[in-house]
Full PDB file with SEQRES, HELIX, SHEET, SSBOND, CRYST1, ORIGX, SCALE, CONECT and MASTER records, all heavy atoms in Angstrom:
SEQRES   1 A   30  ALA PHE VAL ALA ILE PHE ARG LEU MET GLY GLN THR GLN          
SEQRES   2 A   30  ALA ALA ALA GLU SER ARG ALA ALA VAL ASN GLU ALA LEU          
SEQRES   3 A   30  GLN THR LEU ASP                                              
HELIX    1 AA1 PHE A    2  LEU A   29  1                                  28    
CRYST1    1.000    1.000    1.000  90.00  90.00  90.00 P 1           1          
ORIGX1      1.000000  0.000000  0.000000        0.00000                         
ORIGX2      0.000000  1.000000  0.000000        0.00000                         
ORIGX3      0.000000  0.000000  1.000000        0.00000                         
SCALE1      1.000000  0.000000  0.000000        0.00000                         
SCALE2      0.000000  1.000000  0.000000        0.00000                         
SCALE3      0.000000  0.000000  1.000000        0.00000                         
ATOM      1  N   ALA A   1      11.530  16.846 -14.521  1.00  0.00           N  
ATOM      2  CA  ALA A   1      11.690  15.391 -14.035  1.00  0.00           C  
ATOM      3  C   ALA A   1      11.792  15.342 -12.516  1.00  0.00           C  
ATOM      4  O   ALA A   1      11.209  14.484 -11.887  1.00  0.00           O  
ATOM      5  CB  ALA A   1      12.883  14.613 -14.753  1.00  0.00           C  
ATOM      6  N   PHE A   2      12.597  16.332 -11.949  1.00  0.00           N  
ATOM      7  CA  PHE A   2      12.788  16.296 -10.564  1.00  0.00           C  
ATOM      8  C   PHE A   2      11.457  16.587  -9.777  1.00  0.00           C  
ATOM      9  O   PHE A   2      11.060  16.006  -8.814  1.00  0.00           O  
ATOM     10  CB  PHE A   2      13.829  17.321 -10.117  1.00  0.00           C  
ATOM     11  CG  PHE A   2      15.244  16.707 -10.182  1.00  0.00           C  
ATOM     12  CD1 PHE A   2      16.215  17.402 -10.935  1.00  0.00           C  
ATOM     13  CD2 PHE A   2      15.603  15.635  -9.551  1.00  0.00           C  
ATOM     14  CE1 PHE A   2      17.474  16.954 -11.005  1.00  0.00           C  
ATOM     15  CE2 PHE A   2      16.867  15.111  -9.678  1.00  0.00           C  
ATOM     16  CZ  PHE A   2      17.853  15.786 -10.363  1.00  0.00           C  
ATOM     17  N   VAL A   3      10.746  17.505 -10.305  1.00  0.00           N  
ATOM     18  CA  VAL A   3       9.416  17.922  -9.771  1.00  0.00           C  
ATOM     19  C   VAL A   3       8.492  16.710  -9.837  1.00  0.00           C  
ATOM     20  O   VAL A   3       7.808  16.440  -8.793  1.00  0.00           O  
ATOM     21  CB  VAL A   3       8.806  19.150 -10.463  1.00  0.00           C  
ATOM     22  CG1 VAL A   3       7.391  19.370 -10.087  1.00  0.00           C  
ATOM     23  CG2 VAL A   3       9.549  20.418 -10.232  1.00  0.00           C  
ATOM     24  N   ALA A   4       8.468  16.051 -10.968  1.00  0.00           N  
ATOM     25  CA  ALA A   4       7.533  14.867 -11.075  1.00  0.00           C  
ATOM     26  C   ALA A   4       7.982  13.727 -10.087  1.00  0.00           C  
ATOM     27  O   ALA A   4       7.149  13.169  -9.467  1.00  0.00           O  
ATOM     28  CB  ALA A   4       7.655  14.336 -12.561  1.00  0.00           C  
ATOM     29  N   ILE A   5       9.313  13.568  -9.943  1.00  0.00           N  
ATOM     30  CA  ILE A   5       9.738  12.592  -8.962  1.00  0.00           C  
ATOM     31  C   ILE A   5       9.380  12.990  -7.566  1.00  0.00           C  
ATOM     32  O   ILE A   5       8.905  12.060  -6.828  1.00  0.00           O  
ATOM     33  CB  ILE A   5      11.315  12.347  -9.106  1.00  0.00           C  
ATOM     34  CG1 ILE A   5      11.645  11.598 -10.475  1.00  0.00           C  
ATOM     35  CG2 ILE A   5      11.920  11.554  -7.982  1.00  0.00           C  
ATOM     36  CD1 ILE A   5      13.103  11.669 -10.758  1.00  0.00           C  
ATOM     37  N   PHE A   6       9.488  14.163  -7.143  1.00  0.00           N  
ATOM     38  CA  PHE A   6       9.165  14.559  -5.858  1.00  0.00           C  
ATOM     39  C   PHE A   6       7.666  14.446  -5.581  1.00  0.00           C  
ATOM     40  O   PHE A   6       7.172  14.035  -4.483  1.00  0.00           O  
ATOM     41  CB  PHE A   6       9.659  15.996  -5.529  1.00  0.00           C  
ATOM     42  CG  PHE A   6      11.116  15.995  -5.242  1.00  0.00           C  
ATOM     43  CD1 PHE A   6      11.960  16.788  -6.007  1.00  0.00           C  
ATOM     44  CD2 PHE A   6      11.645  15.426  -4.120  1.00  0.00           C  
ATOM     45  CE1 PHE A   6      13.397  16.912  -5.753  1.00  0.00           C  
ATOM     46  CE2 PHE A   6      13.053  15.348  -3.892  1.00  0.00           C  
ATOM     47  CZ  PHE A   6      13.788  16.132  -4.686  1.00  0.00           C  
ATOM     48  N   ARG A   7       6.838  14.727  -6.544  1.00  0.00           N  
ATOM     49  CA  ARG A   7       5.400  14.555  -6.441  1.00  0.00           C  
ATOM     50  C   ARG A   7       5.083  13.093  -6.272  1.00  0.00           C  
ATOM     51  O   ARG A   7       4.256  12.657  -5.454  1.00  0.00           O  
ATOM     52  CB  ARG A   7       4.756  15.154  -7.642  1.00  0.00           C  
ATOM     53  CG  ARG A   7       4.436  16.624  -7.563  1.00  0.00           C  
ATOM     54  CD  ARG A   7       3.638  17.212  -8.807  1.00  0.00           C  
ATOM     55  NE  ARG A   7       3.607  18.584  -8.695  1.00  0.00           N  
ATOM     56  CZ  ARG A   7       3.145  19.343  -9.702  1.00  0.00           C  
ATOM     57  NH1 ARG A   7       2.961  18.689 -10.855  1.00  0.00           N  
ATOM     58  NH2 ARG A   7       3.206  20.642  -9.605  1.00  0.00           N  
ATOM     59  N   LEU A   8       5.672  12.286  -7.104  1.00  0.00           N  
ATOM     60  CA  LEU A   8       5.406  10.859  -7.055  1.00  0.00           C  
ATOM     61  C   LEU A   8       5.901  10.290  -5.671  1.00  0.00           C  
ATOM     62  O   LEU A   8       5.199   9.455  -5.099  1.00  0.00           O  
ATOM     63  CB  LEU A   8       6.221  10.084  -8.146  1.00  0.00           C  
ATOM     64  CG  LEU A   8       5.918   8.691  -8.252  1.00  0.00           C  
ATOM     65  CD1 LEU A   8       4.462   8.316  -8.443  1.00  0.00           C  
ATOM     66  CD2 LEU A   8       6.722   8.055  -9.403  1.00  0.00           C  
ATOM     67  N   MET A   9       6.925  10.810  -5.219  1.00  0.00           N  
ATOM     68  CA  MET A   9       7.466  10.303  -3.792  1.00  0.00           C  
ATOM     69  C   MET A   9       6.399  10.761  -2.725  1.00  0.00           C  
ATOM     70  O   MET A   9       6.184   9.948  -1.812  1.00  0.00           O  
ATOM     71  CB  MET A   9       8.779  10.946  -3.405  1.00  0.00           C  
ATOM     72  CG  MET A   9       9.949  10.294  -4.275  1.00  0.00           C  
ATOM     73  SD  MET A   9      11.559  11.064  -4.048  1.00  0.00           S  
ATOM     74  CE  MET A   9      11.744  10.989  -2.317  1.00  0.00           C  
ATOM     75  N   GLY A  10       5.777  11.875  -2.803  1.00  0.00           N  
ATOM     76  CA  GLY A  10       4.880  12.241  -1.840  1.00  0.00           C  
ATOM     77  C   GLY A  10       3.541  11.502  -1.983  1.00  0.00           C  
ATOM     78  O   GLY A  10       3.004  11.051  -0.928  1.00  0.00           O  
ATOM     79  N   GLN A  11       3.167  11.181  -3.188  1.00  0.00           N  
ATOM     80  CA  GLN A  11       2.077  10.227  -3.358  1.00  0.00           C  
ATOM     81  C   GLN A  11       2.247   8.827  -2.872  1.00  0.00           C  
ATOM     82  O   GLN A  11       1.381   8.211  -2.230  1.00  0.00           O  
ATOM     83  CB  GLN A  11       1.609  10.210  -4.887  1.00  0.00           C  
ATOM     84  CG  GLN A  11       1.115  11.516  -5.394  1.00  0.00           C  
ATOM     85  CD  GLN A  11       0.908  11.490  -6.912  1.00  0.00           C  
ATOM     86  OE1 GLN A  11       1.378  10.634  -7.639  1.00  0.00           O  
ATOM     87  NE2 GLN A  11       0.273  12.576  -7.417  1.00  0.00           N  
ATOM     88  N   THR A  12       3.505   8.388  -3.066  1.00  0.00           N  
ATOM     89  CA  THR A  12       3.802   7.048  -2.592  1.00  0.00           C  
ATOM     90  C   THR A  12       3.789   7.010  -1.108  1.00  0.00           C  
ATOM     91  O   THR A  12       3.333   6.020  -0.456  1.00  0.00           O  
ATOM     92  CB  THR A  12       5.201   6.694  -3.153  1.00  0.00           C  
ATOM     93  OG1 THR A  12       5.194   6.655  -4.629  1.00  0.00           O  
ATOM     94  CG2 THR A  12       5.705   5.305  -2.702  1.00  0.00           C  
ATOM     95  N   GLN A  13       4.346   8.036  -0.463  1.00  0.00           N  
ATOM     96  CA  GLN A  13       4.367   8.154   0.972  1.00  0.00           C  
ATOM     97  C   GLN A  13       2.980   8.146   1.542  1.00  0.00           C  
ATOM     98  O   GLN A  13       2.616   7.514   2.552  1.00  0.00           O  
ATOM     99  CB  GLN A  13       5.232   9.356   1.450  1.00  0.00           C  
ATOM    100  CG  GLN A  13       5.210   9.512   2.953  1.00  0.00           C  
ATOM    101  CD  GLN A  13       5.971   8.506   3.630  1.00  0.00           C  
ATOM    102  OE1 GLN A  13       6.800   7.852   3.116  1.00  0.00           O  
ATOM    103  NE2 GLN A  13       5.615   8.255   4.904  1.00  0.00           N  
ATOM    104  N   ALA A  14       2.069   8.911   0.908  1.00  0.00           N  
ATOM    105  CA  ALA A  14       0.695   9.074   1.353  1.00  0.00           C  
ATOM    106  C   ALA A  14      -0.029   7.718   1.231  1.00  0.00           C  
ATOM    107  O   ALA A  14      -0.800   7.320   2.051  1.00  0.00           O  
ATOM    108  CB  ALA A  14       0.000  10.149   0.590  1.00  0.00           C  
ATOM    109  N   ALA A  15       0.245   7.029   0.150  1.00  0.00           N  
ATOM    110  CA  ALA A  15      -0.333   5.683  -0.122  1.00  0.00           C  
ATOM    111  C   ALA A  15       0.095   4.733   0.949  1.00  0.00           C  
ATOM    112  O   ALA A  15      -0.650   3.885   1.539  1.00  0.00           O  
ATOM    113  CB  ALA A  15      -0.086   5.147  -1.485  1.00  0.00           C  
ATOM    114  N   ALA A  16       1.435   4.758   1.293  1.00  0.00           N  
ATOM    115  CA  ALA A  16       1.989   3.905   2.345  1.00  0.00           C  
ATOM    116  C   ALA A  16       1.400   4.132   3.662  1.00  0.00           C  
ATOM    117  O   ALA A  16       1.009   3.239   4.415  1.00  0.00           O  
ATOM    118  CB  ALA A  16       3.491   3.971   2.333  1.00  0.00           C  
ATOM    119  N   GLU A  17       1.252   5.459   3.977  1.00  0.00           N  
ATOM    120  CA  GLU A  17       0.571   5.757   5.246  1.00  0.00           C  
ATOM    121  C   GLU A  17      -0.846   5.294   5.312  1.00  0.00           C  
ATOM    122  O   GLU A  17      -1.349   4.777   6.361  1.00  0.00           O  
ATOM    123  CB  GLU A  17       0.647   7.349   5.482  1.00  0.00           C  
ATOM    124  CG  GLU A  17       2.134   7.750   5.803  1.00  0.00           C  
ATOM    125  CD  GLU A  17       2.200   9.263   5.795  1.00  0.00           C  
ATOM    126  OE1 GLU A  17       1.337   9.973   5.642  1.00  0.00           O  
ATOM    127  OE2 GLU A  17       3.393   9.706   5.956  1.00  0.00           O  
ATOM    128  N   SER A  18      -1.615   5.447   4.194  1.00  0.00           N  
ATOM    129  CA  SER A  18      -2.985   5.083   4.144  1.00  0.00           C  
ATOM    130  C   SER A  18      -3.161   3.551   4.354  1.00  0.00           C  
ATOM    131  O   SER A  18      -3.934   3.043   5.076  1.00  0.00           O  
ATOM    132  CB  SER A  18      -3.562   5.442   2.853  1.00  0.00           C  
ATOM    133  OG  SER A  18      -4.876   4.919   2.694  1.00  0.00           O  
ATOM    134  N   ARG A  19      -2.124   2.764   3.640  1.00  0.00           N  
ATOM    135  CA  ARG A  19      -2.202   1.413   3.714  1.00  0.00           C  
ATOM    136  C   ARG A  19      -1.859   0.902   5.146  1.00  0.00           C  
ATOM    137  O   ARG A  19      -2.415  -0.014   5.725  1.00  0.00           O  
ATOM    138  CB  ARG A  19      -1.163   0.816   2.748  1.00  0.00           C  
ATOM    139  CG  ARG A  19      -1.227  -0.660   2.555  1.00  0.00           C  
ATOM    140  CD  ARG A  19      -0.436  -1.215   1.391  1.00  0.00           C  
ATOM    141  NE  ARG A  19       0.867  -0.553   1.083  1.00  0.00           N  
ATOM    142  CZ  ARG A  19       1.115   0.291   0.142  1.00  0.00           C  
ATOM    143  NH1 ARG A  19       0.176   0.548  -0.693  1.00  0.00           N  
ATOM    144  NH2 ARG A  19       2.336   0.834  -0.017  1.00  0.00           N  
ATOM    145  N   ALA A  20      -0.951   1.620   5.822  1.00  0.00           N  
ATOM    146  CA  ALA A  20      -0.597   1.245   7.234  1.00  0.00           C  
ATOM    147  C   ALA A  20      -1.784   1.556   8.169  1.00  0.00           C  
ATOM    148  O   ALA A  20      -2.088   0.747   9.061  1.00  0.00           O  
ATOM    149  CB  ALA A  20       0.579   2.091   7.693  1.00  0.00           C  
ATOM    150  N   ALA A  21      -2.464   2.588   7.917  1.00  0.00           N  
ATOM    151  CA  ALA A  21      -3.680   3.005   8.724  1.00  0.00           C  
ATOM    152  C   ALA A  21      -4.821   1.846   8.532  1.00  0.00           C  
ATOM    153  O   ALA A  21      -5.428   1.467   9.540  1.00  0.00           O  
ATOM    154  CB  ALA A  21      -4.205   4.405   8.439  1.00  0.00           C  
ATOM    155  N   VAL A  22      -4.962   1.391   7.323  1.00  0.00           N  
ATOM    156  CA  VAL A  22      -5.934   0.375   7.009  1.00  0.00           C  
ATOM    157  C   VAL A  22      -5.501  -0.970   7.728  1.00  0.00           C  
ATOM    158  O   VAL A  22      -6.378  -1.672   8.358  1.00  0.00           O  
ATOM    159  CB  VAL A  22      -6.158   0.124   5.529  1.00  0.00           C  
ATOM    160  CG1 VAL A  22      -6.895  -1.128   5.121  1.00  0.00           C  
ATOM    161  CG2 VAL A  22      -6.856   1.345   4.833  1.00  0.00           C  
ATOM    162  N   ASN A  23      -4.209  -1.288   7.563  1.00  0.00           N  
ATOM    163  CA  ASN A  23      -3.795  -2.496   8.264  1.00  0.00           C  
ATOM    164  C   ASN A  23      -3.919  -2.523   9.768  1.00  0.00           C  
ATOM    165  O   ASN A  23      -4.377  -3.408  10.415  1.00  0.00           O  
ATOM    166  CB  ASN A  23      -2.295  -2.789   7.993  1.00  0.00           C  
ATOM    167  CG  ASN A  23      -2.160  -3.234   6.537  1.00  0.00           C  
ATOM    168  OD1 ASN A  23      -3.067  -3.758   5.915  1.00  0.00           O  
ATOM    169  ND2 ASN A  23      -0.976  -3.068   5.931  1.00  0.00           N  
ATOM    170  N   GLU A  24      -3.685  -1.257  10.408  1.00  0.00           N  
ATOM    171  CA  GLU A  24      -3.906  -1.189  11.780  1.00  0.00           C  
ATOM    172  C   GLU A  24      -5.302  -1.341  12.214  1.00  0.00           C  
ATOM    173  O   GLU A  24      -5.603  -2.002  13.183  1.00  0.00           O  
ATOM    174  CB  GLU A  24      -3.360   0.240  12.229  1.00  0.00           C  
ATOM    175  CG  GLU A  24      -3.392   0.342  13.765  1.00  0.00           C  
ATOM    176  CD  GLU A  24      -2.847   1.775  14.242  1.00  0.00           C  
ATOM    177  OE1 GLU A  24      -2.205   2.455  13.403  1.00  0.00           O  
ATOM    178  OE2 GLU A  24      -3.070   2.191  15.340  1.00  0.00           O  
ATOM    179  N   ALA A  25      -6.288  -0.695  11.428  1.00  0.00           N  
ATOM    180  CA  ALA A  25      -7.619  -0.765  11.723  1.00  0.00           C  
ATOM    181  C   ALA A  25      -8.168  -2.321  11.640  1.00  0.00           C  
ATOM    182  O   ALA A  25      -8.852  -2.806  12.403  1.00  0.00           O  
ATOM    183  CB  ALA A  25      -8.458   0.054  10.844  1.00  0.00           C  
ATOM    184  N   LEU A  26      -7.681  -2.951  10.641  1.00  0.00           N  
ATOM    185  CA  LEU A  26      -7.997  -4.302  10.374  1.00  0.00           C  
ATOM    186  C   LEU A  26      -7.488  -5.273  11.522  1.00  0.00           C  
ATOM    187  O   LEU A  26      -8.201  -6.124  12.017  1.00  0.00           O  
ATOM    188  CB  LEU A  26      -7.575  -4.864   9.026  1.00  0.00           C  
ATOM    189  CG  LEU A  26      -8.269  -4.334   7.791  1.00  0.00           C  
ATOM    190  CD1 LEU A  26      -7.631  -4.860   6.542  1.00  0.00           C  
ATOM    191  CD2 LEU A  26      -9.734  -4.735   7.782  1.00  0.00           C  
ATOM    192  N   GLN A  27      -6.333  -4.910  11.898  1.00  0.00           N  
ATOM    193  CA  GLN A  27      -5.712  -5.697  13.096  1.00  0.00           C  
ATOM    194  C   GLN A  27      -6.531  -5.473  14.389  1.00  0.00           C  
ATOM    195  O   GLN A  27      -6.775  -6.383  15.147  1.00  0.00           O  
ATOM    196  CB  GLN A  27      -4.346  -5.305  13.292  1.00  0.00           C  
ATOM    197  CG  GLN A  27      -3.371  -5.874  12.274  1.00  0.00           C  
ATOM    198  CD  GLN A  27      -1.935  -5.569  12.293  1.00  0.00           C  
ATOM    199  OE1 GLN A  27      -1.600  -4.641  13.252  1.00  0.00           O  
ATOM    200  NE2 GLN A  27      -1.072  -5.891  11.486  1.00  0.00           N  
ATOM    201  N   THR A  28      -7.045  -4.226  14.630  1.00  0.00           N  
ATOM    202  CA  THR A  28      -7.830  -3.909  15.714  1.00  0.00           C  
ATOM    203  C   THR A  28      -9.153  -4.622  15.723  1.00  0.00           C  
ATOM    204  O   THR A  28      -9.627  -5.228  16.590  1.00  0.00           O  
ATOM    205  CB  THR A  28      -8.016  -2.331  15.847  1.00  0.00           C  
ATOM    206  OG1 THR A  28      -6.733  -1.702  15.892  1.00  0.00           O  
ATOM    207  CG2 THR A  28      -8.930  -2.008  17.040  1.00  0.00           C  
ATOM    208  N   LEU A  29      -9.761  -4.616  14.502  1.00  0.00           N  
ATOM    209  CA  LEU A  29     -10.985  -5.355  14.277  1.00  0.00           C  
ATOM    210  C   LEU A  29     -10.774  -6.901  14.584  1.00  0.00           C  
ATOM    211  O   LEU A  29     -11.625  -7.484  15.247  1.00  0.00           O  
ATOM    212  CB  LEU A  29     -11.484  -5.205  12.882  1.00  0.00           C  
ATOM    213  CG  LEU A  29     -12.881  -5.853  12.527  1.00  0.00           C  
ATOM    214  CD1 LEU A  29     -13.990  -5.502  13.485  1.00  0.00           C  
ATOM    215  CD2 LEU A  29     -13.190  -5.619  11.055  1.00  0.00           C  
ATOM    216  N   ASP A  30      -9.708  -7.432  14.048  1.00  0.00           N  
ATOM    217  CA  ASP A  30      -9.451  -8.874  14.273  1.00  0.00           C  
ATOM    218  C   ASP A  30      -9.267  -9.172  15.709  1.00  0.00           C  
ATOM    219  O   ASP A  30      -9.776 -10.170  16.238  1.00  0.00           O  
ATOM    220  CB  ASP A  30      -8.211  -9.190  13.428  1.00  0.00           C  
ATOM    221  CG  ASP A  30      -7.950 -10.769  13.480  1.00  0.00           C  
ATOM    222  OD1 ASP A  30      -8.932 -11.547  13.178  1.00  0.00           O  
ATOM    223  OD2 ASP A  30      -6.832 -11.164  13.727  1.00  0.00           O  
TER     224      ASP A  30                                                      
MASTER        0    0    0    1    0    0    0    6  223    1    0    3          
END                                                                             
């Protein structure tokens, strides 16, 4: 369970970073 939680946290962090990069690019375009 701990291993699964840590993997999920890593995936969540990567998704948040990707979403932030997309938002920044869209703001630059705007």
